[in-house]
Protein backbone atom coordinates (compact mmCIF):
# COMPACT_ATOMS: atom_id res chain seq x y z
CA MET A 1 4.64 134.71 73.63
CA GLY A 2 5.81 131.20 72.75
CA GLN A 3 9.09 130.80 70.95
CA ASP A 4 8.45 130.55 67.22
CA ARG A 5 11.66 130.05 65.29
CA SER A 6 9.88 129.69 61.98
CA GLY A 7 10.65 133.17 60.66
CA GLY A 8 6.92 133.67 60.44
CA GLY A 9 6.97 137.16 58.96
CA ARG A 10 6.60 135.87 55.36
CA ARG A 11 3.26 136.30 53.65
CA GLY A 12 1.80 133.48 51.62
CA SER A 13 2.31 133.22 47.89
CA LEU A 14 -0.47 132.62 45.39
CA GLY A 15 0.45 128.92 45.43
CA ASP A 16 0.10 128.85 49.22
CA ARG A 17 -3.30 130.50 49.08
CA LEU A 18 -4.66 128.18 46.39
CA ARG A 19 -3.40 125.04 48.16
CA ALA A 20 -4.79 126.26 51.47
CA ARG A 21 -8.28 126.65 50.02
CA LEU A 22 -8.13 123.19 48.47
CA ALA A 23 -6.66 121.60 51.61
CA ALA A 24 -9.39 123.09 53.79
CA ARG A 25 -11.79 120.54 52.35
CA ALA A 26 -9.84 117.61 53.85
CA ARG A 27 -11.47 115.56 56.59
CA PRO A 28 -10.20 112.60 58.67
CA GLN A 29 -11.38 109.26 57.29
CA GLY A 30 -12.00 107.88 60.76
CA PRO A 31 -10.95 108.37 64.40
CA VAL A 32 -7.72 110.29 64.90
CA LEU A 33 -5.01 108.56 66.96
CA TRP A 34 -3.89 111.55 69.01
CA PRO A 35 -0.23 111.29 70.11
CA GLU A 36 1.08 111.53 73.63
CA PRO A 37 1.15 115.11 74.93
CA ARG A 38 4.28 117.27 74.75
CA VAL A 39 5.20 119.97 77.27
CA ALA A 40 8.00 122.39 76.44
CA GLY A 41 6.88 125.87 77.47
CA GLU A 42 7.62 128.57 80.02
CA LEU A 43 5.41 128.96 83.10
CA ALA A 44 6.25 132.63 83.54
CA ARG A 45 5.32 133.40 79.94
CA ALA A 46 2.00 131.59 80.44
CA ARG A 47 1.24 133.69 83.51
CA GLN A 48 1.72 136.87 81.49
CA ILE A 49 -0.54 135.56 78.72
CA LEU A 50 -3.24 134.77 81.30
CA LYS A 51 -3.01 138.37 82.49
CA GLY A 52 -3.53 139.56 78.92
CA ARG A 53 -0.02 140.93 78.59
CA TRP A 54 2.53 140.02 75.93
CA ARG A 55 5.05 141.54 73.60
CA ILE A 56 4.63 141.47 69.83
CA GLY A 57 7.80 142.92 68.34
CA GLU A 58 8.19 146.54 69.40
CA ARG A 59 4.65 146.68 70.77
CA LEU A 60 3.68 145.81 74.35
CA VAL A 61 0.09 144.57 74.30
CA GLU A 62 -2.15 144.73 77.38
CA ALA A 63 -5.62 143.45 76.53
CA PRO A 64 -7.03 141.10 79.15
CA GLY A 65 -10.11 139.21 78.03
CA GLN A 66 -9.55 139.74 74.30
CA SER A 67 -8.67 137.13 71.70
CA VAL A 68 -5.18 137.37 70.33
CA TRP A 69 -6.65 137.30 66.81
CA GLU A 70 -8.61 140.51 67.47
CA ILE A 71 -5.69 142.68 68.50
CA ALA A 72 -2.54 141.30 66.84
CA PRO A 73 -0.96 144.05 64.69
CA GLU A 74 0.18 143.37 61.13
CA THR A 75 3.86 142.82 61.91
CA PRO A 76 6.18 139.86 61.22
CA GLU A 77 6.20 139.01 64.93
CA ALA A 78 2.38 139.01 64.99
CA LEU A 79 2.17 136.72 61.97
CA ALA A 80 4.34 134.23 63.86
CA LEU A 81 1.50 133.83 66.39
CA HIS A 82 -0.22 131.63 63.79
CA GLY A 83 2.46 129.03 64.57
CA MET A 84 0.79 128.76 68.00
CA GLY A 85 3.96 128.71 70.08
CA TRP A 86 1.89 130.13 72.92
CA LEU A 87 0.23 126.71 73.21
CA ASP A 88 3.48 125.34 74.63
CA ASP A 89 3.39 127.89 77.44
CA LEU A 90 -0.31 127.49 78.31
CA ALA A 91 0.02 123.69 78.30
CA ALA A 92 3.09 123.90 80.56
CA GLU A 93 1.07 126.03 83.02
CA GLY A 94 -1.67 123.41 82.84
CA SER A 95 -4.38 125.06 84.94
CA ALA A 96 -8.05 125.06 84.01
CA LYS A 97 -7.80 128.77 83.20
CA ALA A 98 -4.88 128.16 80.84
CA ARG A 99 -6.65 125.23 79.21
CA LEU A 100 -9.84 127.21 78.61
CA LEU A 101 -7.91 130.12 77.11
CA ALA A 102 -5.98 127.79 74.80
CA GLN A 103 -9.22 126.12 73.70
CA GLU A 104 -10.85 129.50 73.10
CA TRP A 105 -7.98 130.84 70.99
CA VAL A 106 -7.58 127.66 68.94
CA GLY A 107 -11.34 127.47 68.38
CA ASP A 108 -11.37 131.13 67.35
CA TRP A 109 -8.50 130.51 64.89
CA ILE A 110 -10.37 127.57 63.33
CA ALA A 111 -13.51 129.69 62.97
CA ARG A 112 -11.60 132.58 61.38
CA HIS A 113 -8.94 130.80 59.30
CA GLY A 114 -9.73 127.08 59.19
CA GLY A 115 -11.24 127.51 55.73
CA GLY A 116 -7.79 128.15 54.27
CA THR A 117 -7.69 131.93 54.71
CA GLY A 118 -5.41 134.26 56.64
CA PRO A 119 -1.67 134.73 57.05
CA GLY A 120 -1.07 131.40 58.82
CA TRP A 121 -1.19 129.40 55.61
CA VAL A 122 2.50 129.40 54.79
CA PRO A 123 4.46 126.14 55.15
CA GLU A 124 6.69 127.17 58.06
CA LEU A 125 3.78 128.42 60.20
CA ALA A 126 1.54 125.53 59.20
CA ALA A 127 4.29 123.10 60.31
CA ASP A 128 4.64 124.68 63.73
CA ARG A 129 0.87 124.87 64.13
CA LEU A 130 0.36 121.23 63.15
CA LEU A 131 3.03 120.03 65.60
CA ARG A 132 1.34 121.98 68.40
CA LEU A 133 -2.22 120.94 67.55
CA LEU A 134 -1.13 117.30 67.58
CA GLY A 135 1.18 117.57 70.57
CA HIS A 136 -1.39 119.39 72.71
CA ALA A 137 -4.50 117.67 71.35
CA ARG A 138 -5.52 116.11 74.65
CA PHE A 139 -5.10 119.47 76.36
CA LEU A 140 -7.33 121.05 73.72
CA LEU A 141 -9.94 118.26 73.77
CA HIS A 142 -10.34 118.10 77.53
CA PRO A 143 -13.96 119.07 78.32
CA PRO A 144 -15.40 121.46 77.34
CA GLY A 145 -12.73 121.27 74.65
CA VAL A 146 -12.38 122.42 71.08
CA GLY A 147 -14.21 119.29 69.91
CA GLU A 148 -12.85 116.50 67.73
CA GLU A 149 -15.31 117.51 65.02
CA ARG A 150 -13.36 120.81 64.73
CA LEU A 151 -9.81 119.83 65.69
CA GLY A 152 -9.68 116.74 63.47
CA PRO A 153 -10.51 118.62 60.24
CA ALA A 154 -8.08 121.41 61.17
CA VAL A 155 -5.29 118.84 61.52
CA ALA A 156 -6.28 117.04 58.31
CA ALA A 157 -6.42 120.30 56.35
CA THR A 158 -3.05 121.50 57.61
CA ALA A 159 -1.45 118.14 56.86
CA ARG A 160 -2.89 118.14 53.32
CA PHE A 161 -1.55 121.68 52.78
CA LEU A 162 1.93 120.72 54.05
CA GLU A 163 2.00 117.59 51.92
CA ALA A 164 1.75 119.84 48.85
CA ARG A 165 3.86 122.80 50.05
CA TRP A 166 6.58 121.58 52.42
CA ARG A 167 9.31 122.08 49.83
CA HIS A 168 8.43 125.79 49.79
CA ALA A 169 9.27 126.20 53.50
CA PRO A 170 12.60 127.91 54.23
CA GLN A 171 15.47 125.47 53.97
CA GLY A 172 16.80 124.18 57.25
CA ARG A 173 14.56 124.22 60.27
CA GLY A 174 11.49 125.17 58.21
CA GLN A 175 11.56 122.07 56.04
CA VAL A 176 12.59 119.76 58.88
CA ALA A 177 9.65 121.01 60.97
CA ALA A 178 7.30 120.46 58.04
CA LEU A 179 8.49 116.88 57.53
CA ALA A 180 8.36 116.11 61.25
CA ALA A 181 4.80 117.43 61.32
CA LEU A 182 3.84 115.28 58.33
CA ILE A 183 5.25 112.19 60.07
CA GLN A 184 3.18 112.93 63.19
CA ALA A 185 0.06 113.66 61.14
CA GLY A 186 0.51 110.62 58.88
CA LEU A 187 0.61 108.37 61.93
CA ALA A 188 -2.35 110.09 63.63
CA LEU A 189 -4.74 110.36 60.68
CA PRO A 190 -6.44 107.19 59.42
CA GLU A 191 -5.17 105.74 56.14
CA ARG A 192 -2.37 108.33 55.88
CA ARG A 193 0.63 106.20 56.87
CA ALA A 194 2.02 106.50 53.35
CA VAL A 195 2.45 110.22 54.03
CA ALA A 196 4.55 109.41 57.10
CA VAL A 197 6.69 106.96 55.10
CA ARG A 198 7.44 109.50 52.36
CA ALA A 199 8.12 112.25 54.92
CA ALA A 200 10.52 109.97 56.82
CA GLN A 201 12.53 109.33 53.65
CA ALA A 202 12.72 113.05 52.87
CA LEU A 203 13.64 113.81 56.49
CA GLY A 204 16.63 111.49 56.23
CA GLU A 205 17.86 113.40 53.19
CA GLU A 206 17.41 116.74 54.96
CA ALA A 207 19.19 115.52 58.10
CA ARG A 208 22.12 114.29 56.05
CA ARG A 209 22.38 117.66 54.29
CA LEU A 210 21.83 120.02 57.24
CA VAL A 211 24.01 118.48 59.95
CA ASP A 212 27.60 118.53 58.71
CA ALA A 213 30.28 115.94 59.35
CA GLN A 214 31.35 117.74 62.55
CA GLY A 215 27.78 117.89 63.90
CA GLY A 216 27.15 121.58 63.24
CA VAL A 217 24.73 123.66 61.18
CA ALA A 218 25.58 126.42 58.70
CA SER A 219 24.09 129.25 60.78
CA ARG A 220 26.27 128.37 63.81
CA ASP A 221 23.20 129.14 65.96
CA PRO A 222 23.21 126.80 68.99
CA GLU A 223 19.45 127.09 69.43
CA GLU A 224 18.82 126.12 65.81
CA LEU A 225 20.90 123.00 66.41
CA LEU A 226 18.74 122.29 69.47
CA ASP A 227 15.55 122.80 67.44
CA LEU A 228 16.74 120.45 64.70
CA MET A 229 17.75 117.76 67.18
CA ASP A 230 14.41 118.06 68.99
CA LEU A 231 12.50 117.66 65.72
CA LEU A 232 14.64 114.75 64.52
CA VAL A 233 14.48 112.90 67.84
CA GLY A 234 10.71 113.46 68.06
CA ALA A 235 10.15 112.22 64.51
CA ASN A 236 12.17 109.04 65.10
CA ARG A 237 10.34 108.39 68.35
CA ALA A 238 6.99 108.74 66.58
CA LEU A 239 8.04 106.38 63.79
CA VAL A 240 9.18 103.72 66.26
CA ALA A 241 5.92 104.05 68.21
CA GLY A 242 4.01 103.68 64.94
CA ASP A 243 5.93 100.52 63.95
CA LEU A 244 7.66 102.25 61.04
CA PRO A 245 11.43 102.09 60.52
CA PRO A 246 13.23 105.46 60.94
CA ASP A 247 15.73 106.49 58.29
CA PRO A 248 19.25 105.63 59.59
CA ALA A 249 20.46 109.03 58.33
CA VAL A 250 18.35 110.75 60.99
CA ALA A 251 19.90 108.77 63.84
CA ALA A 252 23.35 109.41 62.36
CA ALA A 253 22.71 113.16 62.23
CA VAL A 254 21.53 113.14 65.85
CA GLY A 255 24.66 111.20 66.81
CA ARG A 256 26.88 113.81 65.15
CA ALA A 257 25.01 116.77 66.64
CA ALA A 258 24.63 115.55 70.24
CA PRO A 259 28.29 116.06 71.31
CA VAL A 260 28.23 119.55 69.82
CA LEU A 261 25.03 120.50 71.63
CA ARG A 262 26.43 119.09 74.86
CA ALA A 263 29.57 121.22 74.47
CA LEU A 264 27.47 124.37 73.93
CA ARG A 265 25.57 123.88 77.20
CA HIS A 266 26.69 126.00 80.14
CA ALA A 267 26.92 124.74 83.71
CA ASP A 268 23.40 126.08 84.40
CA GLY A 269 21.90 123.89 81.65
CA GLY A 270 21.27 126.74 79.21
CA LEU A 271 22.80 127.18 75.77
CA ALA A 272 25.41 129.74 74.84
CA ARG A 273 23.63 132.69 73.21
CA PHE A 274 25.37 133.33 69.90
CA HIS A 275 24.30 134.07 66.32
CA GLY A 276 20.63 134.66 67.01
CA GLY A 277 20.06 131.85 69.49
CA CYS A 278 18.61 131.99 73.02
CA ARG A 279 19.47 129.76 75.97
CA GLY A 280 16.47 127.46 75.37
CA THR A 281 13.44 126.69 77.50
CA GLU A 282 14.32 125.53 81.01
CA GLY A 283 15.32 121.86 80.92
CA ARG A 284 14.82 121.44 77.16
CA VAL A 285 18.50 120.92 76.36
CA ASP A 286 18.76 118.14 78.93
CA GLN A 287 15.58 116.47 77.63
CA VAL A 288 16.81 116.45 74.04
CA LEU A 289 20.26 115.18 74.99
CA ALA A 290 18.76 112.45 77.16
CA ALA A 291 16.59 111.32 74.25
CA ALA A 292 19.58 111.43 71.88
CA GLY A 293 21.76 109.22 74.09
CA ARG A 294 25.52 109.50 74.48
CA PRO A 295 27.43 108.40 71.39
CA PRO A 296 31.15 107.82 71.94
CA VAL A 297 33.34 110.89 71.38
CA VAL A 298 37.08 110.76 70.82
CA VAL A 299 39.01 113.95 71.59
CA ARG A 300 42.66 114.04 70.57
CA GLY A 301 44.49 116.67 72.60
CA GLY A 302 43.73 120.32 73.26
CA VAL A 303 40.29 121.88 73.48
CA PRO A 304 38.23 120.90 70.42
CA LEU A 305 36.18 123.32 68.35
CA HIS A 306 32.44 122.58 68.38
CA MET A 307 30.66 124.30 65.48
CA GLY A 308 33.29 127.00 65.75
CA TYR A 309 33.06 127.42 69.55
CA LEU A 310 35.64 126.68 72.23
CA ARG A 311 34.45 125.41 75.60
CA LEU A 312 36.56 125.67 78.74
CA ALA A 313 35.24 123.99 81.88
CA ALA A 314 36.84 123.61 85.29
CA GLY A 315 35.31 123.35 88.74
CA ARG A 316 31.92 125.06 88.63
CA THR A 317 32.87 127.40 85.79
CA THR A 318 32.21 127.17 82.07
CA VAL A 319 33.49 129.55 79.39
CA ILE A 320 32.23 129.33 75.81
CA ALA A 321 33.90 131.49 73.15
CA ASP A 322 33.05 132.22 69.52
CA ALA A 323 36.27 131.14 67.81
CA ALA A 324 35.34 131.00 64.12
CA ALA A 325 34.20 133.32 61.37
CA PRO A 326 30.47 134.02 61.29
CA PRO A 327 28.37 132.46 58.54
CA THR A 328 27.75 134.23 55.25
CA GLY A 329 25.07 134.04 52.58
CA PRO A 330 21.52 132.95 53.44
CA ALA A 331 22.73 131.29 56.67
CA SER A 332 23.80 134.70 58.04
CA VAL A 333 20.44 136.48 58.18
CA ALA A 334 20.45 136.21 61.99
CA ALA A 335 24.23 135.99 62.53
CA HIS A 336 26.09 138.38 64.82
CA ALA A 337 29.42 140.19 64.68
CA SER A 338 30.52 138.27 67.79
CA THR A 339 33.91 136.87 66.76
CA LEU A 340 36.11 136.14 69.83
CA ALA A 341 33.29 137.03 72.26
CA PHE A 342 32.78 134.73 75.26
CA GLU A 343 30.24 133.89 77.96
CA LEU A 344 31.00 132.68 81.49
CA THR A 345 28.71 130.83 83.87
CA SER A 346 29.45 129.82 87.45
CA GLY A 347 27.31 126.96 88.70
CA ARG A 348 23.66 127.85 88.09
CA ARG A 349 24.42 131.55 87.56
CA PRO A 350 25.35 133.27 84.28
CA LEU A 351 27.93 135.98 84.87
CA VAL A 352 29.36 137.29 81.57
CA VAL A 353 26.86 137.27 78.68
CA SER A 354 25.93 138.94 75.41
CA ILE A 355 22.86 141.17 75.32
CA GLY A 356 21.00 138.46 73.38
CA PRO A 357 19.34 138.10 69.97
CA GLY A 358 16.61 140.70 70.44
CA ARG A 359 14.36 139.04 67.86
CA SER A 360 11.25 139.25 70.06
CA PHE A 361 11.69 143.00 70.66
CA GLY A 362 11.40 144.18 67.06
CA GLY A 363 13.71 145.05 64.20
CA ARG A 364 15.67 147.87 65.85
CA TRP A 365 16.66 145.79 68.85
CA ARG A 366 17.44 142.81 66.64
CA ARG A 367 19.83 144.85 64.49
CA ALA A 368 21.48 146.50 67.50
CA ALA A 369 22.02 143.11 69.13
CA ARG A 370 23.98 141.90 66.09
CA ALA A 371 26.68 144.58 66.45
CA THR A 372 30.05 143.84 68.08
CA PRO A 373 29.49 146.18 71.09
CA SER A 374 26.53 143.99 72.12
CA HIS A 375 28.94 141.13 72.92
CA SER A 376 31.64 140.52 75.49
CA THR A 377 34.62 141.28 73.32
CA LEU A 378 36.62 144.21 71.95
CA SER A 379 35.14 146.75 69.53
CA LEU A 380 37.14 149.29 67.54
CA ASP A 381 36.27 152.79 66.32
CA THR A 382 32.49 152.10 66.35
CA VAL A 383 33.05 149.52 63.54
CA SER A 384 31.80 145.97 64.05
CA SER A 385 34.08 143.05 63.23
CA SER A 386 31.50 141.98 60.60
CA ARG A 387 29.15 144.25 58.70
CA LEU A 388 25.53 143.97 57.58
CA GLY A 389 24.56 144.16 53.93
CA PRO A 390 21.33 145.43 52.36
CA ALA A 391 18.10 143.56 53.02
CA VAL A 392 17.15 140.83 50.55
CA ALA A 393 13.48 140.50 49.70
CA GLY A 394 11.83 137.54 51.38
CA GLU A 395 14.57 137.02 54.00
CA ALA A 396 14.12 137.47 57.74
CA GLY A 397 17.13 139.78 58.18
CA GLU A 398 20.15 141.36 56.57
CA ARG A 399 23.02 139.09 55.58
CA LEU A 400 26.57 139.58 56.81
CA VAL A 401 28.59 140.70 53.80
CA GLU A 402 31.96 141.67 55.32
CA VAL A 403 33.32 139.14 57.80
CA PRO A 404 36.83 138.37 59.06
CA GLY A 405 38.79 136.65 56.30
CA ARG A 406 40.82 134.65 58.78
CA VAL A 407 40.02 133.48 62.29
CA LEU A 408 42.59 131.44 64.21
CA ALA A 409 42.05 129.37 67.34
CA GLU A 410 44.58 127.25 69.17
CA SER A 411 44.25 125.58 72.53
CA ALA A 412 46.24 123.44 74.90
CA PRO A 413 45.70 122.02 78.38
CA GLY A 414 48.50 122.55 80.86
CA SER A 415 49.39 122.33 84.51
CA ASP A 416 48.28 125.95 84.92
CA GLY A 417 44.86 125.38 83.36
CA LEU A 418 43.14 125.47 80.00
CA ARG A 419 44.56 128.07 77.64
CA VAL A 420 43.16 129.23 74.28
CA GLU A 421 44.56 131.77 71.83
CA MET A 422 42.32 133.29 69.17
CA ALA A 423 42.62 136.02 66.55
CA HIS A 424 40.59 137.64 63.76
CA ASP A 425 41.41 140.15 61.02
CA GLY A 426 38.02 141.86 60.74
CA TRP A 427 39.58 145.34 61.09
CA ARG A 428 42.68 144.64 59.04
CA PRO A 429 41.36 146.10 55.73
CA SER A 430 40.03 149.28 57.38
CA HIS A 431 42.51 149.90 60.22
CA GLY A 432 45.42 147.50 59.62
CA LEU A 433 44.78 145.89 63.02
CA THR A 434 44.31 142.26 64.04
CA HIS A 435 42.51 141.43 67.30
CA ALA A 436 44.15 138.65 69.30
CA ARG A 437 42.62 137.25 72.49
CA LEU A 438 44.09 134.87 75.07
CA LEU A 439 41.90 133.18 77.69
CA GLN A 440 43.21 130.96 80.48
CA LEU A 441 40.93 129.19 82.95
CA LEU A 442 42.68 127.90 86.07
CA PRO A 443 42.33 124.18 86.90
CA ASP A 444 39.95 124.84 89.80
CA GLY A 445 37.78 127.21 87.73
CA ARG A 446 38.20 130.03 90.24
CA ALA A 447 39.88 132.48 87.87
CA LEU A 448 39.89 133.45 84.21
CA ALA A 449 42.88 135.44 83.00
CA GLY A 450 42.65 137.29 79.71
CA GLU A 451 44.68 139.36 77.32
CA ASP A 452 43.32 141.32 74.35
CA MET A 453 45.68 142.82 71.83
CA LEU A 454 45.31 145.03 68.74
CA THR A 455 48.37 144.78 66.53
CA THR A 456 49.71 145.22 63.01
CA LEU A 457 51.34 142.19 61.40
CA THR A 458 52.90 143.48 58.17
CA ALA A 459 54.22 146.66 56.61
CA ALA A 460 50.96 146.98 54.67
CA ASP A 461 49.08 146.78 57.99
CA GLY A 462 51.28 149.54 59.35
CA ALA A 463 50.44 151.75 56.36
CA ALA A 464 46.72 151.13 56.85
CA PHE A 465 47.07 151.95 60.56
CA ASP A 466 48.85 155.22 59.70
CA ARG A 467 46.03 156.17 57.34
CA ALA A 468 43.46 155.48 60.05
CA MET A 469 45.50 157.54 62.52
CA ASN A 470 45.65 160.43 60.04
CA ALA A 471 41.88 160.25 59.65
CA SER A 472 41.54 160.52 63.45
CA SER A 473 43.78 163.62 63.53
CA HIS A 474 46.29 161.50 65.48
CA VAL A 475 44.15 161.41 68.62
CA GLY A 476 44.08 157.60 68.37
CA LEU A 477 41.54 154.97 67.39
CA PRO A 478 38.89 154.54 70.10
CA PHE A 479 38.39 151.02 71.43
CA ALA A 480 36.18 149.49 74.10
CA LEU A 481 36.63 146.09 75.71
CA ARG A 482 33.22 145.04 77.06
CA PHE A 483 32.03 142.40 79.52
CA HIS A 484 28.22 142.43 79.68
CA LEU A 485 26.92 141.19 83.01
CA HIS A 486 23.77 139.15 83.57
CA PRO A 487 20.98 141.28 85.14
CA ASP A 488 20.83 139.03 88.23
CA VAL A 489 24.43 140.06 89.00
CA GLU A 490 25.24 142.99 91.29
CA ALA A 491 28.41 144.98 90.54
CA GLU A 492 30.11 148.11 91.87
CA MET A 493 33.45 149.84 91.60
CA ALA A 494 35.77 149.07 94.50
CA ALA A 495 38.12 151.54 96.13
CA ASP A 496 41.16 149.95 94.48
CA GLY A 497 39.73 150.48 91.00
CA SER A 498 38.56 146.89 90.51
CA VAL A 499 34.94 145.78 90.06
CA ALA A 500 33.30 143.79 92.85
CA ILE A 501 30.67 141.33 91.60
CA LEU A 502 28.07 139.46 93.65
CA LEU A 503 26.05 136.56 92.23
CA PRO A 504 22.62 135.55 93.61
CA SER A 505 24.24 132.33 94.82
CA GLY A 506 26.40 134.37 97.20
CA GLU A 507 29.58 133.90 95.16
CA GLU A 508 31.81 136.97 95.01
CA TRP A 509 33.97 137.71 91.98
CA VAL A 510 36.45 140.48 91.25
CA PHE A 511 37.32 141.94 87.85
CA ALA A 512 40.67 143.70 87.73
CA GLN A 513 42.76 145.30 85.01
CA GLU A 514 46.49 144.76 84.82
CA GLY A 515 48.38 147.72 83.37
CA GLY A 516 47.17 151.16 82.43
CA GLU A 517 46.17 151.02 78.76
CA GLY A 518 42.52 152.01 79.04
CA LEU A 519 40.13 153.26 81.70
CA LEU A 520 38.10 150.68 83.61
CA GLY A 521 34.51 151.50 84.56
CA LEU A 522 30.91 150.31 84.82
CA GLU A 523 28.28 151.41 82.30
CA PRO A 524 24.59 150.64 81.74
CA SER A 525 23.64 147.76 79.43
CA VAL A 526 20.57 145.67 78.60
CA TYR A 527 19.74 141.98 78.48
CA LEU A 528 17.26 140.86 75.81
CA GLU A 529 15.61 137.71 77.10
CA GLU A 530 13.15 135.77 74.96
CA GLY A 531 9.62 135.97 76.37
CA ARG A 532 10.20 138.98 78.61
CA LEU A 533 7.92 141.93 78.17
CA ARG A 534 10.76 144.45 78.37
CA PRO A 535 14.54 144.55 77.94
CA ARG A 536 16.14 143.99 81.33
CA PRO A 537 18.50 146.71 82.55
CA THR A 538 21.93 145.52 83.59
CA LEU A 539 25.57 146.64 83.68
CA GLN A 540 28.69 146.10 81.63
CA ILE A 541 32.34 146.32 82.59
CA VAL A 542 34.15 148.47 80.02
CA ILE A 543 37.83 149.22 79.45
CA GLU A 544 37.98 152.21 77.11
CA GLY A 545 40.94 153.86 75.50
CA ARG A 546 42.61 154.87 72.25
CA ALA A 547 45.05 152.88 70.15
CA LEU A 548 47.99 155.23 69.59
CA ARG A 549 50.63 152.68 68.61
CA PRO A 550 50.73 149.69 66.26
CA THR A 551 50.30 147.39 69.28
CA THR A 552 47.88 147.92 72.16
CA ARG A 553 47.72 145.30 74.92
CA LEU A 554 45.03 144.91 77.61
CA ARG A 555 45.39 142.39 80.44
CA TRP A 556 42.63 141.55 82.90
CA THR A 557 41.46 138.91 85.38
CA LEU A 558 38.05 137.73 86.52
CA ALA A 559 38.41 135.70 89.69
CA LYS A 560 36.44 134.52 92.69
CA ALA A 561 37.13 136.69 95.71
CA TYR A 562 39.41 135.33 98.36
CA GLY A 563 37.38 133.40 100.91
CA THR A 564 34.55 132.42 98.55
CA PRO A 565 34.01 128.73 99.37
CA GLU A 566 34.45 126.14 96.64
CA GLY A 567 31.26 124.22 97.36
CA LEU A 568 28.85 127.09 97.97
CA ARG A 569 25.27 125.80 97.99
CA ASP A 570 23.04 127.83 95.66
CA LEU A 571 19.65 127.80 97.36
CA ASN A 572 18.30 131.15 96.13
CA PRO A 573 15.43 130.63 93.67
CA ARG A 574 15.45 132.37 90.32
CA ALA A 575 13.04 135.29 90.09
CA ASP A 576 9.85 134.66 88.13
CA TRP A 577 9.56 136.65 84.93
CA ASP A 578 5.95 137.67 85.55
CA GLU A 579 6.86 139.19 88.92
CA GLU A 580 9.84 141.15 87.56
CA ASP A 581 7.93 142.39 84.51
CA GLU A 582 5.12 144.00 86.52
């Protein structure tokens, strides 16, 4: 259902439960000034909800005509439903049927849990729920409606709970969402403007802390950066509309983050999918960037790093590569072993991708998606470039505990296109090998040339490589260079051993290997898309082989086929999710 990024699997503490019961007594002290409506959902997801079909973690639910609160299983993904992300989707669909269902489910939640009971009374879920109840209030109040006599107290109670418990929300997005919700509620509820003033001051402090000097966030998750910018921009807009001065630190944080978010947007308008992030709801990135404005950016030579990512763009092609070490510590609970992986989009069509975060498909898919083979890069001997540690109580996922100690990235524009060289030492302690990757995008964007190399750098590396070879009985260390393809792409092996690729736009691409180190083929893969009912089957291009020497070199090209026009008009519509998921 709707995208809840609140990590809503946490159960409430005793403090949460006590505050919820006390807050449930709150009532508005006059008419509520409901804010302007917000629409940021997915139509296809709404259509599935209206059919009574949705995915809750590993479970596919089909229960038309039943309330979500009657059938939701006790799983972390089900608890996140109390954040009411599904309201975004039903409001985006906007039909009378969607409106009546939204009103029924919200009314049912108020009847069941409005008294301060149930799993939804934790700060991060309460924040998401309050933002949605306020943002979709007019949708919910449209006759027959939930009724102001029910919706108003629910908003007042949730705001009173958050006022006492927002500091107990997870740091980062959780606390920013709570403060943004308090600003909205303080401006909407009579005689509560002081709440909005205090929340605005705290939001400035959070914005200053969370968005670093380069405009990035600690998790390196592009979608988290989008979420934070959306919340910050929305809070400032509400303060201005309410004749309250925004904290300058919020505008400064948005100004730092906007160029980074813009750099992480592919040609099709979606975000690069790295470190637990999805591409974002259709059009949302553009809306947030438009609201943020265009602060001046000075780039001094080369291709700059944006939150650890390199972006190459030429013609209709964009390439975004993960060129920095993954996060560690609490910021790494959703991070992936994706170092040196890249994505490529041509016009409106993604071509090379990762399999995605998998968070909406349950724990097993989420863990599998974090491994190196789930990304478009090289994997060695079934060992990821970063490794997961043991689970920590109260956290949404396992932290990364072994990450590359050194990641290098250099870039330079030239007459023959944009060229980047990257390297990481994630396998150096275990195998003595460093992975180096070169990517070169031609000036017209019609071809990407690549080279991947596994090599030893020192005598100590050579000794470690020999030990690994001995452990393999000298048959070599197995490697696989993977290029996951988007499920809308068609691909087949050609007679000359290359891979012929056809995009829905009509563009034809060819993947070819140069040299004989490794066997080129096509293998099955999956694409984990947020909101889909099932993983989407797709293909991956794989070059497999064994490292038998201290240096193994793989060269390849991905280029538009000869005769593919430069200005091909892409008139084919994208398939609707609800039709494909039948």
